[in-house]
Amino acid sequence: MVKIAICDDDKQAREILVAYCNDYLSTKYMKYQILEYASGEELLQDDYPDILLLDIEMKRINGILVKEILEKMEAETRILFITNHLENMPEAFGRGVFGFLHKPVNYSDFCKSFTSLYEDVLNKSCYIFIGNSLYSEKIYVKDIVYIQAYDKYAKIYIRGRADYKFSNRCLGEWGRELECLNFVRCHRSFVVNFAYIAGIKKDIELDCKKHIPVSRKLKRQIKERYKAYVWEKIR
């Protein structure tokens, strides 16, 4: 679950950004939560978000001060500033700042800026734990190439490793959990990460030359999703 915060003392501006986020993420297969805050004080009382759309001009604790507090707390928050006054940009640069949008924000500019935050969340922050009560290992989702069914359990294949990691969770659970993160269940025995697909013909060819079977019933749908994924990456 990705937590997105919108902090702006203008209710109408927040509503517009909420609508933009929902429109953008509606096709991304990402589970997310959007929270609204009318002030910096209100925002800082809550848990730190993954993504923060932050107005600079607010009373008492303005956006720049919020950014500085998050820096001191070493929060892993990606910030996109929203402002009426671009002259504040030099002061607003800092850790976790991905850019600036000028009010009123149009959807096209929003999409271009928001994409960098969205992709950074996918690439750096998403991880899973595998193991049991005695042993647990953290694996970043971006490093998972594919997952294969193993009886009632699963084998997780990781980039750069010749072996696999065993999971006591079934393939169906992994498929449902990772669908929002550019994974697809292409066959009753396989879930694949789009990032490692080299092409889809009779089967799925991975960039490591491994071939993964694909269900006939799902092939057209998977090809369309893969095209959309590639298009998004090159835009």
C-alpha atoms as a PDB file:
ATOM      1  CA  MET A   1       0.000   0.000   0.000  1.00  0.00           C
ATOM      2  CA  VAL A   2       1.444   3.360  -1.065  1.00  0.00           C
ATOM      3  CA  LYS A   3       0.515   6.307   1.118  1.00  0.00           C
ATOM      4  CA  ILE A   4      -0.023   9.608  -0.727  1.00  0.00           C
ATOM      5  CA  ALA A   5      -0.502  12.849   1.211  1.00  0.00           C
ATOM      6  CA  ILE A   6      -1.858  16.123  -0.162  1.00  0.00           C
ATOM      7  CA  CYS A   7      -1.121  19.099   2.077  1.00  0.00           C
ATOM      8  CA  ASP A   8      -2.674  22.411   1.034  1.00  0.00           C
ATOM      9  CA  ASP A   9      -4.773  24.947   2.953  1.00  0.00           C
ATOM     10  CA  ASP A  10      -6.920  25.431  -0.164  1.00  0.00           C
ATOM     11  CA  LYS A  11      -9.669  22.784  -0.139  1.00  0.00           C
ATOM     12  CA  GLN A  12     -10.421  23.172  -3.854  1.00  0.00           C
ATOM     13  CA  ALA A  13      -6.745  22.691  -4.736  1.00  0.00           C
ATOM     14  CA  ARG A  14      -6.693  19.494  -2.664  1.00  0.00           C
ATOM     15  CA  GLU A  15      -9.791  18.176  -4.401  1.00  0.00           C
ATOM     16  CA  ILE A  16      -8.224  18.742  -7.812  1.00  0.00           C
ATOM     17  CA  LEU A  17      -5.046  16.908  -6.817  1.00  0.00           C
ATOM     18  CA  VAL A  18      -7.027  14.012  -5.339  1.00  0.00           C
ATOM     19  CA  ALA A  19      -8.879  13.656  -8.654  1.00  0.00           C
ATOM     20  CA  TYR A  20      -5.592  13.808 -10.603  1.00  0.00           C
ATOM     21  CA  CYS A  21      -4.038  11.102  -8.406  1.00  0.00           C
ATOM     22  CA  ASN A  22      -7.048   8.824  -8.805  1.00  0.00           C
ATOM     23  CA  ASP A  23      -7.095   9.285 -12.583  1.00  0.00           C
ATOM     24  CA  TYR A  24      -3.349   8.642 -12.889  1.00  0.00           C
ATOM     25  CA  LEU A  25      -3.298   5.573 -10.636  1.00  0.00           C
ATOM     26  CA  SER A  26      -6.499   4.001 -11.955  1.00  0.00           C
ATOM     27  CA  THR A  27      -4.515   2.139 -14.637  1.00  0.00           C
ATOM     28  CA  LYS A  28      -1.393   1.383 -12.594  1.00  0.00           C
ATOM     29  CA  TYR A  29      -2.537  -1.664 -10.624  1.00  0.00           C
ATOM     30  CA  MET A  30      -1.159  -0.054  -7.470  1.00  0.00           C
ATOM     31  CA  LYS A  31      -2.883  -0.213  -4.110  1.00  0.00           C
ATOM     32  CA  TYR A  32      -2.809   3.250  -2.626  1.00  0.00           C
ATOM     33  CA  GLN A  33      -4.288   5.527   0.001  1.00  0.00           C
ATOM     34  CA  ILE A  34      -4.777   9.281  -0.373  1.00  0.00           C
ATOM     35  CA  LEU A  35      -4.886  11.468   2.736  1.00  0.00           C
ATOM     36  CA  GLU A  36      -5.670  15.198   2.822  1.00  0.00           C
ATOM     37  CA  TYR A  37      -4.177  17.739   5.215  1.00  0.00           C
ATOM     38  CA  ALA A  38      -5.139  21.396   5.519  1.00  0.00           C
ATOM     39  CA  SER A  39      -1.937  22.441   7.313  1.00  0.00           C
ATOM     40  CA  GLY A  40       1.669  21.462   7.877  1.00  0.00           C
ATOM     41  CA  GLU A  41       0.929  20.909  11.580  1.00  0.00           C
ATOM     42  CA  GLU A  42      -1.778  18.392  10.738  1.00  0.00           C
ATOM     43  CA  LEU A  43       0.489  16.547   8.316  1.00  0.00           C
ATOM     44  CA  LEU A  44       3.388  16.257  10.763  1.00  0.00           C
ATOM     45  CA  GLN A  45       1.161  14.701  13.436  1.00  0.00           C
ATOM     46  CA  ASP A  46       0.587  11.668  11.221  1.00  0.00           C
ATOM     47  CA  ASP A  47       2.870   8.925   9.878  1.00  0.00           C
ATOM     48  CA  TYR A  48       5.157   9.992   7.049  1.00  0.00           C
ATOM     49  CA  PRO A  49       3.760   9.368   3.549  1.00  0.00           C
ATOM     50  CA  ASP A  50       5.577   7.784   0.608  1.00  0.00           C
ATOM     51  CA  ILE A  51       4.532  10.652  -1.687  1.00  0.00           C
ATOM     52  CA  LEU A  52       3.717  14.205  -0.621  1.00  0.00           C
ATOM     53  CA  LEU A  53       2.083  16.872  -2.785  1.00  0.00           C
ATOM     54  CA  LEU A  54       2.935  19.948  -0.757  1.00  0.00           C
ATOM     55  CA  ASP A  55       1.815  23.558  -1.000  1.00  0.00           C
ATOM     56  CA  ILE A  56       4.614  26.014  -0.206  1.00  0.00           C
ATOM     57  CA  GLU A  57       2.488  28.981   0.908  1.00  0.00           C
ATOM     58  CA  MET A  58       0.745  27.950   4.131  1.00  0.00           C
ATOM     59  CA  LYS A  59       0.320  29.721   7.478  1.00  0.00           C
ATOM     60  CA  ARG A  60       2.602  28.961  10.449  1.00  0.00           C
ATOM     61  CA  ILE A  61       4.402  25.836   9.175  1.00  0.00           C
ATOM     62  CA  ASN A  62       4.799  26.414   5.445  1.00  0.00           C
ATOM     63  CA  GLY A  63       5.850  23.834   2.871  1.00  0.00           C
ATOM     64  CA  ILE A  64       9.542  24.652   3.066  1.00  0.00           C
ATOM     65  CA  LEU A  65       9.572  24.194   6.845  1.00  0.00           C
ATOM     66  CA  VAL A  66       7.675  20.892   6.469  1.00  0.00           C
ATOM     67  CA  LYS A  67      10.365  19.759   4.040  1.00  0.00           C
ATOM     68  CA  GLU A  68      13.138  20.730   6.455  1.00  0.00           C
ATOM     69  CA  ILE A  69      11.468  18.862   9.335  1.00  0.00           C
ATOM     70  CA  LEU A  70      11.081  15.738   7.206  1.00  0.00           C
ATOM     71  CA  GLU A  71      14.766  16.001   6.245  1.00  0.00           C
ATOM     72  CA  LYS A  72      15.807  16.132   9.910  1.00  0.00           C
ATOM     73  CA  MET A  73      13.628  13.123  10.672  1.00  0.00           C
ATOM     74  CA  GLU A  74      15.198  11.286   7.690  1.00  0.00           C
ATOM     75  CA  ALA A  75      11.760  10.461   6.360  1.00  0.00           C
ATOM     76  CA  GLU A  76      11.657   8.499   3.086  1.00  0.00           C
ATOM     77  CA  THR A  77       9.121  10.886   1.576  1.00  0.00           C
ATOM     78  CA  ARG A  78       9.116  12.042  -2.043  1.00  0.00           C
ATOM     79  CA  ILE A  79       7.954  15.654  -2.309  1.00  0.00           C
ATOM     80  CA  LEU A  80       6.324  17.452  -5.218  1.00  0.00           C
ATOM     81  CA  PHE A  81       5.872  21.138  -4.390  1.00  0.00           C
ATOM     82  CA  ILE A  82       2.765  23.024  -5.510  1.00  0.00           C
ATOM     83  CA  THR A  83       3.182  26.800  -5.589  1.00  0.00           C
ATOM     84  CA  ASN A  84       1.955  30.129  -6.895  1.00  0.00           C
ATOM     85  CA  HIS A  85       5.411  31.648  -6.591  1.00  0.00           C
ATOM     86  CA  LEU A  86       8.248  29.981  -8.459  1.00  0.00           C
ATOM     87  CA  GLU A  87      10.719  32.431  -6.894  1.00  0.00           C
ATOM     88  CA  ASN A  88      10.606  30.156  -3.830  1.00  0.00           C
ATOM     89  CA  MET A  89      12.093  27.262  -5.784  1.00  0.00           C
ATOM     90  CA  PRO A  90      15.782  27.684  -4.775  1.00  0.00           C
ATOM     91  CA  GLU A  91      14.896  27.635  -1.079  1.00  0.00           C
ATOM     92  CA  ALA A  92      12.661  24.593  -1.519  1.00  0.00           C
ATOM     93  CA  PHE A  93      15.259  22.276  -3.067  1.00  0.00           C
ATOM     94  CA  GLY A  94      16.491  19.482  -0.842  1.00  0.00           C
ATOM     95  CA  ARG A  95      16.405  15.824   0.000  1.00  0.00           C
ATOM     96  CA  GLY A  96      13.410  14.037  -1.459  1.00  0.00           C
ATOM     97  CA  VAL A  97      12.240  17.002  -3.577  1.00  0.00           C
ATOM     98  CA  PHE A  98      11.278  15.749  -7.043  1.00  0.00           C
ATOM     99  CA  GLY A  99      10.009  18.966  -8.590  1.00  0.00           C
ATOM    100  CA  PHE A 100       7.567  21.870  -8.663  1.00  0.00           C
ATOM    101  CA  LEU A 101       4.165  22.497 -10.181  1.00  0.00           C
ATOM    102  CA  HIS A 102       2.742  25.967 -10.700  1.00  0.00           C
ATOM    103  CA  LYS A 103      -0.870  26.672  -9.706  1.00  0.00           C
ATOM    104  CA  PRO A 104      -3.323  26.187 -11.238  1.00  0.00           C
ATOM    105  CA  VAL A 105      -1.997  22.688 -11.980  1.00  0.00           C
ATOM    106  CA  ASN A 106      -3.032  21.095 -15.261  1.00  0.00           C
ATOM    107  CA  TYR A 107      -3.314  17.331 -15.611  1.00  0.00           C
ATOM    108  CA  SER A 108      -0.643  16.934 -18.283  1.00  0.00           C
ATOM    109  CA  ASP A 109       2.020  18.641 -16.159  1.00  0.00           C
ATOM    110  CA  PHE A 110       0.874  16.680 -13.129  1.00  0.00           C
ATOM    111  CA  CYS A 111       1.321  13.349 -14.938  1.00  0.00           C
ATOM    112  CA  LYS A 112       4.842  14.200 -16.093  1.00  0.00           C
ATOM    113  CA  SER A 113       5.940  15.169 -12.592  1.00  0.00           C
ATOM    114  CA  PHE A 114       4.063  12.476 -10.704  1.00  0.00           C
ATOM    115  CA  THR A 115       5.557   9.702 -12.850  1.00  0.00           C
ATOM    116  CA  SER A 116       9.018  10.235 -11.360  1.00  0.00           C
ATOM    117  CA  LEU A 117       7.649   9.882  -7.813  1.00  0.00           C
ATOM    118  CA  TYR A 118       5.565   6.837  -8.725  1.00  0.00           C
ATOM    119  CA  GLU A 119       8.498   5.048 -10.366  1.00  0.00           C
ATOM    120  CA  ASP A 120      10.817   5.824  -7.464  1.00  0.00           C
ATOM    121  CA  VAL A 121       8.328   4.229  -5.061  1.00  0.00           C
ATOM    122  CA  LEU A 122       8.208   1.111  -7.235  1.00  0.00           C
ATOM    123  CA  ASN A 123      11.967   0.918  -7.661  1.00  0.00           C
ATOM    124  CA  LYS A 124      13.143   1.634  -4.128  1.00  0.00           C
ATOM    125  CA  SER A 125      10.509   1.314  -1.480  1.00  0.00           C
ATOM    126  CA  CYS A 126       8.505  -1.812  -2.217  1.00  0.00           C
ATOM    127  CA  TYR A 127       9.744  -4.982  -0.593  1.00  0.00           C
ATOM    128  CA  ILE A 128       8.500  -8.284   0.760  1.00  0.00           C
ATOM    129  CA  PHE A 129       9.527 -10.522   3.630  1.00  0.00           C
ATOM    130  CA  ILE A 130       9.885 -14.265   3.217  1.00  0.00           C
ATOM    131  CA  GLY A 131      10.688 -16.817   5.864  1.00  0.00           C
ATOM    132  CA  ASN A 132       9.145 -18.160   9.044  1.00  0.00           C
ATOM    133  CA  SER A 133       9.078 -17.475  12.780  1.00  0.00           C
ATOM    134  CA  LEU A 134      12.806 -18.264  13.042  1.00  0.00           C
ATOM    135  CA  TYR A 135      14.101 -16.637   9.856  1.00  0.00           C
ATOM    136  CA  SER A 136      13.038 -13.680   7.752  1.00  0.00           C
ATOM    137  CA  GLU A 137      14.618 -12.042   4.693  1.00  0.00           C
ATOM    138  CA  LYS A 138      13.757  -8.706   3.092  1.00  0.00           C
ATOM    139  CA  ILE A 139      13.620  -8.773  -0.731  1.00  0.00           C
ATOM    140  CA  TYR A 140      13.032  -5.711  -2.883  1.00  0.00           C
ATOM    141  CA  VAL A 141      10.189  -6.275  -5.326  1.00  0.00           C
ATOM    142  CA  LYS A 142      12.177  -4.702  -8.166  1.00  0.00           C
ATOM    143  CA  ASP A 143      14.692  -7.578  -7.917  1.00  0.00           C
ATOM    144  CA  ILE A 144      12.125 -10.368  -8.313  1.00  0.00           C
ATOM    145  CA  VAL A 145      12.272 -11.756 -11.858  1.00  0.00           C
ATOM    146  CA  TYR A 146       9.517 -14.355 -11.564  1.00  0.00           C
ATOM    147  CA  ILE A 147       7.782 -16.651  -9.090  1.00  0.00           C
ATOM    148  CA  GLN A 148       7.018 -20.296  -9.792  1.00  0.00           C
ATOM    149  CA  ALA A 149       4.493 -22.555  -8.094  1.00  0.00           C
ATOM    150  CA  TYR A 150       5.989 -25.368  -6.038  1.00  0.00           C
ATOM    151  CA  ASP A 151       3.216 -27.703  -4.926  1.00  0.00           C
ATOM    152  CA  LYS A 152       1.200 -25.545  -2.471  1.00  0.00           C
ATOM    153  CA  TYR A 153       4.108 -23.127  -2.050  1.00  0.00           C
ATOM    154  CA  ALA A 154       6.314 -20.993  -4.312  1.00  0.00           C
ATOM    155  CA  LYS A 155       9.876 -20.457  -5.482  1.00  0.00           C
ATOM    156  CA  ILE A 156      11.003 -16.846  -5.896  1.00  0.00           C
ATOM    157  CA  TYR A 157      13.726 -16.168  -8.478  1.00  0.00           C
ATOM    158  CA  ILE A 158      15.778 -13.027  -7.849  1.00  0.00           C
ATOM    159  CA  ARG A 159      17.905 -10.984 -10.243  1.00  0.00           C
ATOM    160  CA  GLY A 160      21.579 -11.985 -10.211  1.00  0.00           C
ATOM    161  CA  ARG A 161      21.059 -15.186  -8.220  1.00  0.00           C
ATOM    162  CA  ALA A 162      21.341 -18.681  -9.656  1.00  0.00           C
ATOM    163  CA  ASP A 163      19.225 -20.270  -6.930  1.00  0.00           C
ATOM    164  CA  TYR A 164      15.778 -19.345  -5.643  1.00  0.00           C
ATOM    165  CA  LYS A 165      14.140 -18.396  -2.354  1.00  0.00           C
ATOM    166  CA  PHE A 166      11.459 -20.684  -0.981  1.00  0.00           C
ATOM    167  CA  SER A 167       8.168 -19.180   0.180  1.00  0.00           C
ATOM    168  CA  ASN A 168       5.516 -20.963   2.233  1.00  0.00           C
ATOM    169  CA  ARG A 169       2.876 -18.778   0.593  1.00  0.00           C
ATOM    170  CA  CYS A 170       1.126 -20.036  -2.537  1.00  0.00           C
ATOM    171  CA  LEU A 171       1.496 -18.528  -6.014  1.00  0.00           C
ATOM    172  CA  GLY A 172      -2.060 -17.173  -5.971  1.00  0.00           C
ATOM    173  CA  GLU A 173      -1.308 -15.036  -2.910  1.00  0.00           C
ATOM    174  CA  TRP A 174       1.825 -13.617  -4.512  1.00  0.00           C
ATOM    175  CA  GLY A 175      -0.020 -12.930  -7.755  1.00  0.00           C
ATOM    176  CA  ARG A 176      -2.724 -10.933  -5.994  1.00  0.00           C
ATOM    177  CA  GLU A 177      -0.249  -8.999  -3.860  1.00  0.00           C
ATOM    178  CA  LEU A 178       2.132  -8.072  -6.694  1.00  0.00           C
ATOM    179  CA  GLU A 179      -0.384  -7.375  -9.472  1.00  0.00           C
ATOM    180  CA  CYS A 180      -0.383  -3.677  -8.592  1.00  0.00           C
ATOM    181  CA  LEU A 181       3.428  -3.566  -8.988  1.00  0.00           C
ATOM    182  CA  ASN A 182       3.760  -4.518 -12.664  1.00  0.00           C
ATOM    183  CA  PHE A 183       3.656  -8.281 -12.148  1.00  0.00           C
ATOM    184  CA  VAL A 184       1.313 -10.560 -14.039  1.00  0.00           C
ATOM    185  CA  ARG A 185       0.158 -14.127 -13.528  1.00  0.00           C
ATOM    186  CA  CYS A 186       0.735 -15.459 -17.021  1.00  0.00           C
ATOM    187  CA  HIS A 187       0.160 -19.156 -16.294  1.00  0.00           C
ATOM    188  CA  ARG A 188      -1.242 -21.258 -13.457  1.00  0.00           C
ATOM    189  CA  SER A 189       2.376 -21.912 -12.384  1.00  0.00           C
ATOM    190  CA  PHE A 190       4.067 -18.549 -13.000  1.00  0.00           C
ATOM    191  CA  VAL A 191       3.965 -14.873 -12.000  1.00  0.00           C
ATOM    192  CA  VAL A 192       6.344 -12.640 -13.984  1.00  0.00           C
ATOM    193  CA  ASN A 193       7.783  -9.143 -13.488  1.00  0.00           C
ATOM    194  CA  PHE A 194       7.174  -7.005 -16.598  1.00  0.00           C
ATOM    195  CA  ALA A 195      10.548  -5.304 -16.052  1.00  0.00           C
ATOM    196  CA  TYR A 196      12.402  -8.470 -17.086  1.00  0.00           C
ATOM    197  CA  ILE A 197      10.349  -9.416 -20.133  1.00  0.00           C
ATOM    198  CA  ALA A 198      12.249  -9.202 -23.426  1.00  0.00           C
ATOM    199  CA  GLY A 199       9.309 -10.205 -25.602  1.00  0.00           C
ATOM    200  CA  ILE A 200       6.066 -12.154 -25.826  1.00  0.00           C
ATOM    201  CA  LYS A 201       5.517 -14.551 -28.717  1.00  0.00           C
ATOM    202  CA  LYS A 202       4.633 -18.214 -28.297  1.00  0.00           C
ATOM    203  CA  ASP A 203       5.760 -17.831 -24.713  1.00  0.00           C
ATOM    204  CA  ILE A 204       7.362 -15.109 -22.584  1.00  0.00           C
ATOM    205  CA  GLU A 205      11.075 -14.601 -23.098  1.00  0.00           C
ATOM    206  CA  LEU A 206      12.906 -12.959 -20.201  1.00  0.00           C
ATOM    207  CA  ASP A 207      16.009 -10.822 -20.701  1.00  0.00           C
ATOM    208  CA  CYS A 208      18.036 -13.659 -19.102  1.00  0.00           C
ATOM    209  CA  LYS A 209      16.882 -15.892 -22.040  1.00  0.00           C
ATOM    210  CA  LYS A 210      14.620 -17.929 -19.777  1.00  0.00           C
ATOM    211  CA  HIS A 211      11.291 -18.874 -21.386  1.00  0.00           C
ATOM    212  CA  ILE A 212       8.083 -18.813 -19.343  1.00  0.00           C
ATOM    213  CA  PRO A 213       4.837 -20.413 -20.581  1.00  0.00           C
ATOM    214  CA  VAL A 214       1.821 -18.186 -21.075  1.00  0.00           C
ATOM    215  CA  SER A 215      -1.834 -19.208 -20.999  1.00  0.00           C
ATOM    216  CA  ARG A 216      -3.620 -18.972 -24.347  1.00  0.00           C
ATOM    217  CA  LYS A 217      -6.649 -17.417 -22.689  1.00  0.00           C
ATOM    218  CA  LEU A 218      -4.517 -14.706 -21.083  1.00  0.00           C
ATOM    219  CA  LYS A 219      -2.039 -14.028 -23.886  1.00  0.00           C
ATOM    220  CA  ARG A 220      -3.901 -11.128 -25.549  1.00  0.00           C
ATOM    221  CA  GLN A 221      -4.596  -9.431 -22.222  1.00  0.00           C
ATOM    222  CA  ILE A 222      -0.991  -9.863 -21.093  1.00  0.00           C
ATOM    223  CA  LYS A 223       0.340  -8.460 -24.382  1.00  0.00           C
ATOM    224  CA  GLU A 224      -1.858  -5.387 -23.987  1.00  0.00           C
ATOM    225  CA  ARG A 225      -0.707  -4.842 -20.424  1.00  0.00           C
ATOM    226  CA  TYR A 226       2.915  -5.300 -21.469  1.00  0.00           C
ATOM    227  CA  LYS A 227       2.522  -2.758 -24.293  1.00  0.00           C
ATOM    228  CA  ALA A 228       1.019  -0.269 -21.852  1.00  0.00           C
ATOM    229  CA  TYR A 229       3.932  -0.904 -19.454  1.00  0.00           C
ATOM    230  CA  VAL A 230       6.558  -0.343 -22.185  1.00  0.00           C
ATOM    231  CA  TRP A 231       4.784   2.763 -23.467  1.00  0.00           C
ATOM    232  CA  GLU A 232       4.720   4.235 -19.973  1.00  0.00           C
ATOM    233  CA  LYS A 233       8.454   3.602 -19.571  1.00  0.00           C
ATOM    234  CA  ILE A 234       9.432   5.376 -22.826  1.00  0.00           C
ATOM    235  CA  ARG A 235       7.040   8.343 -22.551  1.00  0.00           C
END
